[in-house]
PDB file of all heavy atoms in Angstrom:
ATOM      1  N   ARG A   1      -8.249 -12.297  39.666  1.00  0.00           N
ATOM      2  CA  ARG A   1      -7.989 -12.977  38.378  1.00  0.00           C
ATOM      3  C   ARG A   1      -8.797 -12.285  37.248  1.00  0.00           C
ATOM      4  O   ARG A   1      -8.209 -12.175  36.164  1.00  0.00           O
ATOM      5  CB  ARG A   1      -8.631 -14.416  38.476  1.00  0.00           C
ATOM      6  CG  ARG A   1      -8.336 -15.299  37.226  1.00  0.00           C
ATOM      7  CD  ARG A   1      -8.734 -16.736  37.608  1.00  0.00           C
ATOM      8  NE  ARG A   1      -8.524 -17.555  36.334  1.00  0.00           N
ATOM      9  CZ  ARG A   1      -9.343 -17.623  35.348  1.00  0.00           C
ATOM     10  NH1 ARG A   1     -10.537 -17.128  35.491  1.00  0.00           N
ATOM     11  NH2 ARG A   1      -9.045 -18.420  34.308  1.00  0.00           N
ATOM     12  N   ARG A   2      -9.870 -11.793  37.509  1.00  0.00           N
ATOM     13  CA  ARG A   2     -10.693 -11.039  36.479  1.00  0.00           C
ATOM     14  C   ARG A   2      -9.957  -9.803  36.265  1.00  0.00           C
ATOM     15  O   ARG A   2      -9.932  -9.303  34.996  1.00  0.00           O
ATOM     16  CB  ARG A   2     -12.072 -10.622  37.027  1.00  0.00           C
ATOM     17  CG  ARG A   2     -13.073 -11.978  37.191  1.00  0.00           C
ATOM     18  CD  ARG A   2     -14.292 -11.462  37.719  1.00  0.00           C
ATOM     19  NE  ARG A   2     -15.240 -12.590  37.830  1.00  0.00           N
ATOM     20  CZ  ARG A   2     -16.377 -12.597  38.515  1.00  0.00           C
ATOM     21  NH1 ARG A   2     -16.709 -11.565  39.320  1.00  0.00           N
ATOM     22  NH2 ARG A   2     -17.089 -13.713  38.505  1.00  0.00           N
ATOM     23  N   GLN A   3      -9.461  -9.104  37.138  1.00  0.00           N
ATOM     24  CA  GLN A   3      -8.773  -7.845  36.949  1.00  0.00           C
ATOM     25  C   GLN A   3      -7.555  -8.157  36.066  1.00  0.00           C
ATOM     26  O   GLN A   3      -7.114  -7.353  35.221  1.00  0.00           O
ATOM     27  CB  GLN A   3      -8.313  -7.199  38.258  1.00  0.00           C
ATOM     28  CG  GLN A   3      -7.612  -5.828  38.057  1.00  0.00           C
ATOM     29  CD  GLN A   3      -8.498  -4.811  37.349  1.00  0.00           C
ATOM     30  OE1 GLN A   3      -9.711  -4.782  37.641  1.00  0.00           O
ATOM     31  NE2 GLN A   3      -8.040  -4.002  36.435  1.00  0.00           N
ATOM     32  N   PHE A   4      -6.760  -9.248  36.353  1.00  0.00           N
ATOM     33  CA  PHE A   4      -5.622  -9.609  35.683  1.00  0.00           C
ATOM     34  C   PHE A   4      -5.941  -9.901  34.078  1.00  0.00           C
ATOM     35  O   PHE A   4      -5.286  -9.439  33.279  1.00  0.00           O
ATOM     36  CB  PHE A   4      -5.004 -10.944  36.258  1.00  0.00           C
ATOM     37  CG  PHE A   4      -3.945 -11.518  35.423  1.00  0.00           C
ATOM     38  CD1 PHE A   4      -2.587 -10.915  35.426  1.00  0.00           C
ATOM     39  CD2 PHE A   4      -4.196 -12.656  34.637  1.00  0.00           C
ATOM     40  CE1 PHE A   4      -1.579 -11.428  34.698  1.00  0.00           C
ATOM     41  CE2 PHE A   4      -3.063 -13.108  33.838  1.00  0.00           C
ATOM     42  CZ  PHE A   4      -1.769 -12.486  33.944  1.00  0.00           C
ATOM     43  N   LEU A   5      -7.067 -10.679  33.913  1.00  0.00           N
ATOM     44  CA  LEU A   5      -7.442 -11.020  32.538  1.00  0.00           C
ATOM     45  C   LEU A   5      -7.892  -9.561  31.786  1.00  0.00           C
ATOM     46  O   LEU A   5      -7.538  -9.510  30.629  1.00  0.00           O
ATOM     47  CB  LEU A   5      -8.645 -12.020  32.592  1.00  0.00           C
ATOM     48  CG  LEU A   5      -8.275 -13.342  33.121  1.00  0.00           C
ATOM     49  CD1 LEU A   5      -9.457 -14.235  33.108  1.00  0.00           C
ATOM     50  CD2 LEU A   5      -7.225 -14.137  32.091  1.00  0.00           C
ATOM     51  N   LYS A   6      -8.481  -8.830  32.488  1.00  0.00           N
ATOM     52  CA  LYS A   6      -9.039  -7.540  31.939  1.00  0.00           C
ATOM     53  C   LYS A   6      -7.789  -6.747  31.498  1.00  0.00           C
ATOM     54  O   LYS A   6      -7.720  -6.073  30.470  1.00  0.00           O
ATOM     55  CB  LYS A   6      -9.825  -6.837  32.808  1.00  0.00           C
ATOM     56  CG  LYS A   6     -10.325  -5.384  32.292  1.00  0.00           C
ATOM     57  CD  LYS A   6     -11.363  -4.746  33.372  1.00  0.00           C
ATOM     58  CE  LYS A   6     -11.824  -3.412  32.816  1.00  0.00           C
ATOM     59  NZ  LYS A   6     -12.666  -2.738  33.800  1.00  0.00           N
ATOM     60  N   THR A   7      -6.843  -6.636  32.450  1.00  0.00           N
ATOM     61  CA  THR A   7      -5.590  -5.900  32.163  1.00  0.00           C
ATOM     62  C   THR A   7      -4.838  -6.523  30.972  1.00  0.00           C
ATOM     63  O   THR A   7      -4.366  -5.737  30.143  1.00  0.00           O
ATOM     64  CB  THR A   7      -4.704  -5.825  33.388  1.00  0.00           C
ATOM     65  OG1 THR A   7      -5.468  -5.340  34.507  1.00  0.00           O
ATOM     66  CG2 THR A   7      -3.424  -5.112  33.122  1.00  0.00           C
ATOM     67  N   MET A   8      -4.675  -7.809  30.920  1.00  0.00           N
ATOM     68  CA  MET A   8      -4.106  -8.391  29.822  1.00  0.00           C
ATOM     69  C   MET A   8      -4.777  -8.224  28.488  1.00  0.00           C
ATOM     70  O   MET A   8      -4.131  -7.972  27.505  1.00  0.00           O
ATOM     71  CB  MET A   8      -3.984  -9.967  30.114  1.00  0.00           C
ATOM     72  CG  MET A   8      -2.937 -10.267  31.168  1.00  0.00           C
ATOM     73  SD  MET A   8      -1.222  -9.713  30.798  1.00  0.00           S
ATOM     74  CE  MET A   8      -0.871 -10.911  29.527  1.00  0.00           C
ATOM     75  N   GLY A   9      -6.206  -8.139  28.560  1.00  0.00           N
ATOM     76  CA  GLY A   9      -6.911  -7.945  27.354  1.00  0.00           C
ATOM     77  C   GLY A   9      -6.625  -6.648  26.743  1.00  0.00           C
ATOM     78  O   GLY A   9      -6.509  -6.435  25.632  1.00  0.00           O
ATOM     79  N   VAL A  10      -6.604  -5.542  27.701  1.00  0.00           N
ATOM     80  CA  VAL A  10      -6.393  -4.206  27.192  1.00  0.00           C
ATOM     81  C   VAL A  10      -4.949  -4.064  26.718  1.00  0.00           C
ATOM     82  O   VAL A  10      -4.748  -3.404  25.742  1.00  0.00           O
ATOM     83  CB  VAL A  10      -6.625  -3.245  28.370  1.00  0.00           C
ATOM     84  CG1 VAL A  10      -6.065  -1.822  28.150  1.00  0.00           C
ATOM     85  CG2 VAL A  10      -8.003  -3.165  28.828  1.00  0.00           C
ATOM     86  N   ALA A  11      -4.036  -4.730  27.366  1.00  0.00           N
ATOM     87  CA  ALA A  11      -2.602  -4.621  26.846  1.00  0.00           C
ATOM     88  C   ALA A  11      -2.561  -5.285  25.459  1.00  0.00           C
ATOM     89  O   ALA A  11      -1.866  -4.667  24.663  1.00  0.00           O
ATOM     90  CB  ALA A  11      -1.732  -5.363  27.788  1.00  0.00           C
ATOM     91  N   ALA A  12      -3.087  -6.412  25.382  1.00  0.00           N
ATOM     92  CA  ALA A  12      -3.122  -7.110  23.981  1.00  0.00           C
ATOM     93  C   ALA A  12      -3.693  -6.156  22.932  1.00  0.00           C
ATOM     94  O   ALA A  12      -3.288  -6.111  21.777  1.00  0.00           O
ATOM     95  CB  ALA A  12      -3.862  -8.429  24.141  1.00  0.00           C
ATOM     96  N   ALA A  13      -4.933  -5.652  23.286  1.00  0.00           N
ATOM     97  CA  ALA A  13      -5.534  -4.755  22.282  1.00  0.00           C
ATOM     98  C   ALA A  13      -4.596  -3.542  21.998  1.00  0.00           C
ATOM     99  O   ALA A  13      -4.604  -3.165  20.826  1.00  0.00           O
ATOM    100  CB  ALA A  13      -6.916  -4.205  22.880  1.00  0.00           C
ATOM    101  N   ALA A  14      -4.137  -2.908  23.019  1.00  0.00           N
ATOM    102  CA  ALA A  14      -3.140  -1.821  22.787  1.00  0.00           C
ATOM    103  C   ALA A  14      -1.901  -2.188  21.900  1.00  0.00           C
ATOM    104  O   ALA A  14      -1.579  -1.347  20.980  1.00  0.00           O
ATOM    105  CB  ALA A  14      -2.720  -1.258  24.075  1.00  0.00           C
ATOM    106  N   SER A  15      -1.436  -3.388  22.248  1.00  0.00           N
ATOM    107  CA  SER A  15      -0.376  -3.965  21.378  1.00  0.00           C
ATOM    108  C   SER A  15      -0.727  -4.154  19.944  1.00  0.00           C
ATOM    109  O   SER A  15       0.087  -3.654  19.126  1.00  0.00           O
ATOM    110  CB  SER A  15       0.143  -5.224  21.948  1.00  0.00           C
ATOM    111  OG  SER A  15       1.186  -5.748  21.105  1.00  0.00           O
ATOM    112  N   TRP A  16      -1.949  -4.647  19.622  1.00  0.00           N
ATOM    113  CA  TRP A  16      -2.341  -4.780  18.276  1.00  0.00           C
ATOM    114  C   TRP A  16      -2.539  -3.490  17.596  1.00  0.00           C
ATOM    115  O   TRP A  16      -2.221  -3.234  16.393  1.00  0.00           O
ATOM    116  CB  TRP A  16      -3.744  -5.596  18.255  1.00  0.00           C
ATOM    117  CG  TRP A  16      -4.264  -5.764  16.953  1.00  0.00           C
ATOM    118  CD1 TRP A  16      -3.961  -6.804  16.137  1.00  0.00           C
ATOM    119  CD2 TRP A  16      -5.135  -4.999  16.058  1.00  0.00           C
ATOM    120  NE1 TRP A  16      -4.577  -6.694  14.792  1.00  0.00           N
ATOM    121  CE2 TRP A  16      -5.368  -5.459  14.973  1.00  0.00           C
ATOM    122  CE3 TRP A  16      -5.820  -3.723  16.441  1.00  0.00           C
ATOM    123  CZ2 TRP A  16      -6.261  -4.864  13.879  1.00  0.00           C
ATOM    124  CZ3 TRP A  16      -6.551  -3.157  15.471  1.00  0.00           C
ATOM    125  CH2 TRP A  16      -6.693  -3.661  14.162  1.00  0.00           C
ATOM    126  N   VAL A  17      -3.190  -2.676  18.256  1.00  0.00           N
ATOM    127  CA  VAL A  17      -3.502  -1.181  17.620  1.00  0.00           C
ATOM    128  C   VAL A  17      -2.091  -0.509  17.454  1.00  0.00           C
ATOM    129  O   VAL A  17      -1.883   0.059  16.366  1.00  0.00           O
ATOM    130  CB  VAL A  17      -4.179  -0.255  18.704  1.00  0.00           C
ATOM    131  CG1 VAL A  17      -4.226   1.101  18.137  1.00  0.00           C
ATOM    132  CG2 VAL A  17      -5.610  -0.761  18.761  1.00  0.00           C
ATOM    133  N   SER A  18      -1.208  -0.662  18.355  1.00  0.00           N
ATOM    134  CA  SER A  18       0.198  -0.051  18.243  1.00  0.00           C
ATOM    135  C   SER A  18       0.853  -0.700  16.965  1.00  0.00           C
ATOM    136  O   SER A  18       1.441   0.051  16.186  1.00  0.00           O
ATOM    137  CB  SER A  18       1.008  -0.150  19.453  1.00  0.00           C
ATOM    138  OG  SER A  18       2.269   0.228  19.270  1.00  0.00           O
ATOM    139  N   THR A  19       0.779  -2.002  16.947  1.00  0.00           N
ATOM    140  CA  THR A  19       1.433  -2.708  15.803  1.00  0.00           C
ATOM    141  C   THR A  19       0.797  -2.294  14.412  1.00  0.00           C
ATOM    142  O   THR A  19       1.525  -2.017  13.475  1.00  0.00           O
ATOM    143  CB  THR A  19       1.418  -4.179  16.002  1.00  0.00           C
ATOM    144  OG1 THR A  19       1.974  -4.460  17.246  1.00  0.00           O
ATOM    145  CG2 THR A  19       2.067  -4.935  14.908  1.00  0.00           C
ATOM    146  N   ALA A  20      -0.506  -2.277  14.515  1.00  0.00           N
ATOM    147  CA  ALA A  20      -1.251  -1.850  13.308  1.00  0.00           C
ATOM    148  C   ALA A  20      -0.816  -0.515  12.779  1.00  0.00           C
ATOM    149  O   ALA A  20      -0.654  -0.275  11.594  1.00  0.00           O
ATOM    150  CB  ALA A  20      -2.746  -2.079  13.406  1.00  0.00           C
ATOM    151  N   TRP A  21      -0.928   0.356  13.708  1.00  0.00           N
ATOM    152  CA  TRP A  21      -0.599   1.817  13.343  1.00  0.00           C
ATOM    153  C   TRP A  21       0.835   1.961  13.050  1.00  0.00           C
ATOM    154  O   TRP A  21       1.259   2.812  12.162  1.00  0.00           O
ATOM    155  CB  TRP A  21      -0.918   2.819  14.600  1.00  0.00           C
ATOM    156  CG  TRP A  21      -2.411   3.104  14.463  1.00  0.00           C
ATOM    157  CD1 TRP A  21      -3.459   2.568  15.353  1.00  0.00           C
ATOM    158  CD2 TRP A  21      -3.151   4.044  13.692  1.00  0.00           C
ATOM    159  NE1 TRP A  21      -4.624   3.057  15.043  1.00  0.00           N
ATOM    160  CE2 TRP A  21      -4.544   3.905  14.107  1.00  0.00           C
ATOM    161  CE3 TRP A  21      -2.726   4.870  12.667  1.00  0.00           C
ATOM    162  CZ2 TRP A  21      -5.556   4.750  13.435  1.00  0.00           C
ATOM    163  CZ3 TRP A  21      -3.732   5.684  12.040  1.00  0.00           C
ATOM    164  CH2 TRP A  21      -4.989   5.655  12.478  1.00  0.00           C
ATOM    165  N   GLY A  22       1.598   1.252  13.744  1.00  0.00           N
ATOM    166  CA  GLY A  22       3.098   1.171  13.457  1.00  0.00           C
ATOM    167  C   GLY A  22       3.435   0.841  12.020  1.00  0.00           C
ATOM    168  O   GLY A  22       4.435   1.234  11.388  1.00  0.00           O
ATOM    169  N   ARG A  23       2.534  -0.060  11.406  1.00  0.00           N
ATOM    170  CA  ARG A  23       2.872  -0.502  10.079  1.00  0.00           C
ATOM    171  C   ARG A  23       2.421   0.511   8.961  1.00  0.00           C
ATOM    172  O   ARG A  23       2.910   0.568   7.947  1.00  0.00           O
ATOM    173  CB  ARG A  23       1.987  -1.704   9.744  1.00  0.00           C
ATOM    174  CG  ARG A  23       2.608  -3.056  10.553  1.00  0.00           C
ATOM    175  CD  ARG A  23       1.885  -4.212   9.863  1.00  0.00           C
ATOM    176  NE  ARG A  23       2.289  -5.432  10.567  1.00  0.00           N
ATOM    177  CZ  ARG A  23       1.444  -6.106  11.324  1.00  0.00           C
ATOM    178  NH1 ARG A  23       0.197  -5.709  11.439  1.00  0.00           N
ATOM    179  NH2 ARG A  23       1.911  -7.098  12.175  1.00  0.00           N
ATOM    180  N   MET A  24       1.558   1.440   9.470  1.00  0.00           N
ATOM    181  CA  MET A  24       1.031   2.386   8.439  1.00  0.00           C
ATOM    182  C   MET A  24       2.074   3.271   7.795  1.00  0.00           C
ATOM    183  O   MET A  24       2.010   3.295   6.451  1.00  0.00           O
ATOM    184  CB  MET A  24      -0.099   3.241   9.117  1.00  0.00           C
ATOM    185  CG  MET A  24      -1.399   2.507   9.423  1.00  0.00           C
ATOM    186  SD  MET A  24      -2.665   3.487  10.020  1.00  0.00           S
ATOM    187  CE  MET A  24      -3.011   4.427   8.509  1.00  0.00           C
ATOM    188  N   PRO A  25       3.024   3.851   8.403  1.00  0.00           N
ATOM    189  CA  PRO A  25       3.930   4.589   7.884  1.00  0.00           C
ATOM    190  C   PRO A  25       4.798   3.798   6.730  1.00  0.00           C
ATOM    191  O   PRO A  25       5.147   4.174   5.639  1.00  0.00           O
ATOM    192  CB  PRO A  25       4.873   5.108   8.914  1.00  0.00           C
ATOM    193  CG  PRO A  25       4.091   5.185  10.110  1.00  0.00           C
ATOM    194  CD  PRO A  25       3.174   3.848   9.943  1.00  0.00           C
ATOM    195  N   ALA A  26       4.998   2.462   7.142  1.00  0.00           N
ATOM    196  CA  ALA A  26       5.796   1.556   6.236  1.00  0.00           C
ATOM    197  C   ALA A  26       4.956   1.278   4.979  1.00  0.00           C
ATOM    198  O   ALA A  26       5.538   1.310   3.758  1.00  0.00           O
ATOM    199  CB  ALA A  26       6.080   0.234   7.003  1.00  0.00           C
ATOM    200  N   ILE A  27       3.621   1.139   5.221  1.00  0.00           N
ATOM    201  CA  ILE A  27       2.704   0.912   3.974  1.00  0.00           C
ATOM    202  C   ILE A  27       2.891   2.205   3.077  1.00  0.00           C
ATOM    203  O   ILE A  27       2.936   2.165   1.873  1.00  0.00           O
ATOM    204  CB  ILE A  27       1.309   0.622   4.493  1.00  0.00           C
ATOM    205  CG1 ILE A  27       1.252  -0.732   5.059  1.00  0.00           C
ATOM    206  CG2 ILE A  27       0.358   0.651   3.219  1.00  0.00           C
ATOM    207  CD1 ILE A  27       0.006  -1.023   5.849  1.00  0.00           C
ATOM    208  N   THR A  28       2.692   3.355   3.726  1.00  0.00           N
ATOM    209  CA  THR A  28       2.719   4.566   2.944  1.00  0.00           C
ATOM    210  C   THR A  28       4.098   4.696   2.301  1.00  0.00           C
ATOM    211  O   THR A  28       4.158   5.119   1.007  1.00  0.00           O
ATOM    212  CB  THR A  28       2.662   5.835   4.001  1.00  0.00           C
ATOM    213  OG1 THR A  28       1.251   5.616   4.566  1.00  0.00           O
ATOM    214  CG2 THR A  28       2.615   7.160   3.127  1.00  0.00           C
ATOM    215  N   GLN A  29       5.146   4.451   2.977  1.00  0.00           N
ATOM    216  CA  GLN A  29       6.570   4.516   2.409  1.00  0.00           C
ATOM    217  C   GLN A  29       6.495   3.533   1.186  1.00  0.00           C
ATOM    218  O   GLN A  29       7.091   3.927   0.188  1.00  0.00           O
ATOM    219  CB  GLN A  29       7.563   4.178   3.410  1.00  0.00           C
ATOM    220  CG  GLN A  29       7.788   5.235   4.485  1.00  0.00           C
ATOM    221  CD  GLN A  29       8.282   6.502   4.007  1.00  0.00           C
ATOM    222  OE1 GLN A  29       8.816   6.678   3.083  1.00  0.00           O
ATOM    223  NE2 GLN A  29       8.203   7.549   4.900  1.00  0.00           N
ATOM    224  N   LYS A  30       5.994   2.317   1.443  1.00  0.00           N
ATOM    225  CA  LYS A  30       6.124   1.446   0.278  1.00  0.00           C
ATOM    226  C   LYS A  30       5.398   1.888  -0.851  1.00  0.00           C
ATOM    227  O   LYS A  30       5.883   1.749  -2.055  1.00  0.00           O
ATOM    228  CB  LYS A  30       5.541  -0.010   0.730  1.00  0.00           C
ATOM    229  CG  LYS A  30       5.783  -1.130  -0.197  1.00  0.00           C
ATOM    230  CD  LYS A  30       5.279  -2.411   0.279  1.00  0.00           C
ATOM    231  CE  LYS A  30       5.411  -3.599  -0.781  1.00  0.00           C
ATOM    232  NZ  LYS A  30       4.870  -4.806  -0.188  1.00  0.00           N
ATOM    233  N   ARG A  31       4.382   2.466  -0.779  1.00  0.00           N
ATOM    234  CA  ARG A  31       3.520   3.053  -1.922  1.00  0.00           C
ATOM    235  C   ARG A  31       4.288   4.185  -2.562  1.00  0.00           C
ATOM    236  O   ARG A  31       4.030   4.386  -3.828  1.00  0.00           O
ATOM    237  CB  ARG A  31       2.179   3.504  -1.462  1.00  0.00           C
ATOM    238  CG  ARG A  31       1.283   2.445  -1.085  1.00  0.00           C
ATOM    239  CD  ARG A  31      -0.115   3.046  -0.642  1.00  0.00           C
ATOM    240  NE  ARG A  31      -0.751   3.833  -1.753  1.00  0.00           N
ATOM    241  CZ  ARG A  31      -1.888   4.448  -1.636  1.00  0.00           C
ATOM    242  NH1 ARG A  31      -2.322   4.596  -0.485  1.00  0.00           N
ATOM    243  NH2 ARG A  31      -2.332   5.075  -2.698  1.00  0.00           N
ATOM    244  N   SER A  32       5.153   4.898  -1.890  1.00  0.00           N
ATOM    245  CA  SER A  32       5.972   5.961  -2.620  1.00  0.00           C
ATOM    246  C   SER A  32       7.337   5.645  -3.007  1.00  0.00           C
ATOM    247  O   SER A  32       7.984   6.434  -3.638  1.00  0.00           O
ATOM    248  CB  SER A  32       6.036   7.145  -1.504  1.00  0.00           C
ATOM    249  OG  SER A  32       6.680   6.810  -0.403  1.00  0.00           O
ATOM    250  N   ARG A  33       7.599   4.383  -2.838  1.00  0.00           N
ATOM    251  CA  ARG A  33       9.029   3.938  -3.323  1.00  0.00           C
ATOM    252  C   ARG A  33       8.787   2.698  -4.221  1.00  0.00           C
ATOM    253  O   ARG A  33       8.052   1.767  -3.892  1.00  0.00           O
ATOM    254  CB  ARG A  33       9.764   3.647  -2.181  1.00  0.00           C
ATOM    255  CG  ARG A  33      10.185   4.684  -1.165  1.00  0.00           C
ATOM    256  CD  ARG A  33      10.956   4.147  -0.025  1.00  0.00           C
ATOM    257  NE  ARG A  33      11.198   5.133   0.972  1.00  0.00           N
ATOM    258  CZ  ARG A  33      11.892   4.901   2.250  1.00  0.00           C
ATOM    259  NH1 ARG A  33      12.171   3.578   2.370  1.00  0.00           N
ATOM    260  NH2 ARG A  33      12.021   5.831   2.992  1.00  0.00           N
ATOM    261  N   PRO A  34       9.469   2.679  -5.320  1.00  0.00           N
ATOM    262  CA  PRO A  34      10.197   3.827  -5.937  1.00  0.00           C
ATOM    263  C   PRO A  34       9.177   4.878  -6.658  1.00  0.00           C
ATOM    264  O   PRO A  34       8.062   4.602  -6.768  1.00  0.00           O
ATOM    265  CB  PRO A  34      11.147   3.213  -7.049  1.00  0.00           C
ATOM    266  CG  PRO A  34      10.313   1.862  -7.362  1.00  0.00           C
ATOM    267  CD  PRO A  34       9.567   1.512  -6.067  1.00  0.00           C
ATOM    268  N   LEU A  35       9.850   5.979  -6.939  1.00  0.00           N
ATOM    269  CA  LEU A  35       8.989   7.002  -7.420  1.00  0.00           C
ATOM    270  C   LEU A  35       9.884   8.001  -8.340  1.00  0.00           C
ATOM    271  O   LEU A  35      11.054   8.273  -7.928  1.00  0.00           O
ATOM    272  CB  LEU A  35       8.335   7.887  -6.562  1.00  0.00           C
ATOM    273  CG  LEU A  35       7.722   9.273  -6.856  1.00  0.00           C
ATOM    274  CD1 LEU A  35       6.464   9.063  -7.712  1.00  0.00           C
ATOM    275  CD2 LEU A  35       7.221  10.074  -5.594  1.00  0.00           C
ATOM    276  N   VAL A  36       9.473   8.424  -9.534  1.00  0.00           N
ATOM    277  CA  VAL A  36      10.203   9.350 -10.358  1.00  0.00           C
ATOM    278  C   VAL A  36       9.244  10.457 -10.903  1.00  0.00           C
ATOM    279  O   VAL A  36       8.125  10.035 -11.354  1.00  0.00           O
ATOM    280  CB  VAL A  36      10.979   8.593 -11.543  1.00  0.00           C
ATOM    281  CG1 VAL A  36       9.983   7.855 -12.415  1.00  0.00           C
ATOM    282  CG2 VAL A  36      11.827   9.570 -12.202  1.00  0.00           C
ATOM    283  N   ILE A  37       9.702  11.531 -10.849  1.00  0.00           N
ATOM    284  CA  ILE A  37       8.998  12.688 -11.402  1.00  0.00           C
ATOM    285  C   ILE A  37       9.816  13.521 -12.257  1.00  0.00           C
ATOM    286  O   ILE A  37      11.090  13.708 -12.016  1.00  0.00           O
ATOM    287  CB  ILE A  37       8.307  13.670 -10.269  1.00  0.00           C
ATOM    288  CG1 ILE A  37       9.484  14.111  -9.409  1.00  0.00           C
ATOM    289  CG2 ILE A  37       7.199  12.866  -9.644  1.00  0.00           C
ATOM    290  CD1 ILE A  37       8.936  15.077  -8.206  1.00  0.00           C
ATOM    291  N   SER A  38       9.339  14.261 -13.440  1.00  0.00           N
ATOM    292  CA  SER A  38      10.239  14.947 -14.057  1.00  0.00           C
ATOM    293  C   SER A  38       9.325  16.054 -14.971  1.00  0.00           C
ATOM    294  O   SER A  38       8.192  15.890 -15.010  1.00  0.00           O
ATOM    295  CB  SER A  38      10.853  14.121 -15.262  1.00  0.00           C
ATOM    296  OG  SER A  38       9.925  13.273 -15.957  1.00  0.00           O
ATOM    297  N   THR A  39      10.014  17.074 -15.334  1.00  0.00           N
ATOM    298  CA  THR A  39       9.298  18.315 -15.874  1.00  0.00           C
ATOM    299  C   THR A  39       8.814  18.066 -17.283  1.00  0.00           C
ATOM    300  O   THR A  39       9.504  17.376 -18.154  1.00  0.00           O
ATOM    301  CB  THR A  39      10.179  19.601 -15.817  1.00  0.00           C
ATOM    302  OG1 THR A  39      11.442  19.322 -16.434  1.00  0.00           O
ATOM    303  CG2 THR A  39      10.487  19.952 -14.450  1.00  0.00           C
TER     304      THR A  39
END
């Protein structure tokens, strides 16, 4: 049971990290859109 809970905790943490990092490109993209540059 302890091993199961430990495994689930690691998986949940990994899922949170993955989700958080997965959002980062979207945040970056949002900051760069829209954008206009000219000479």
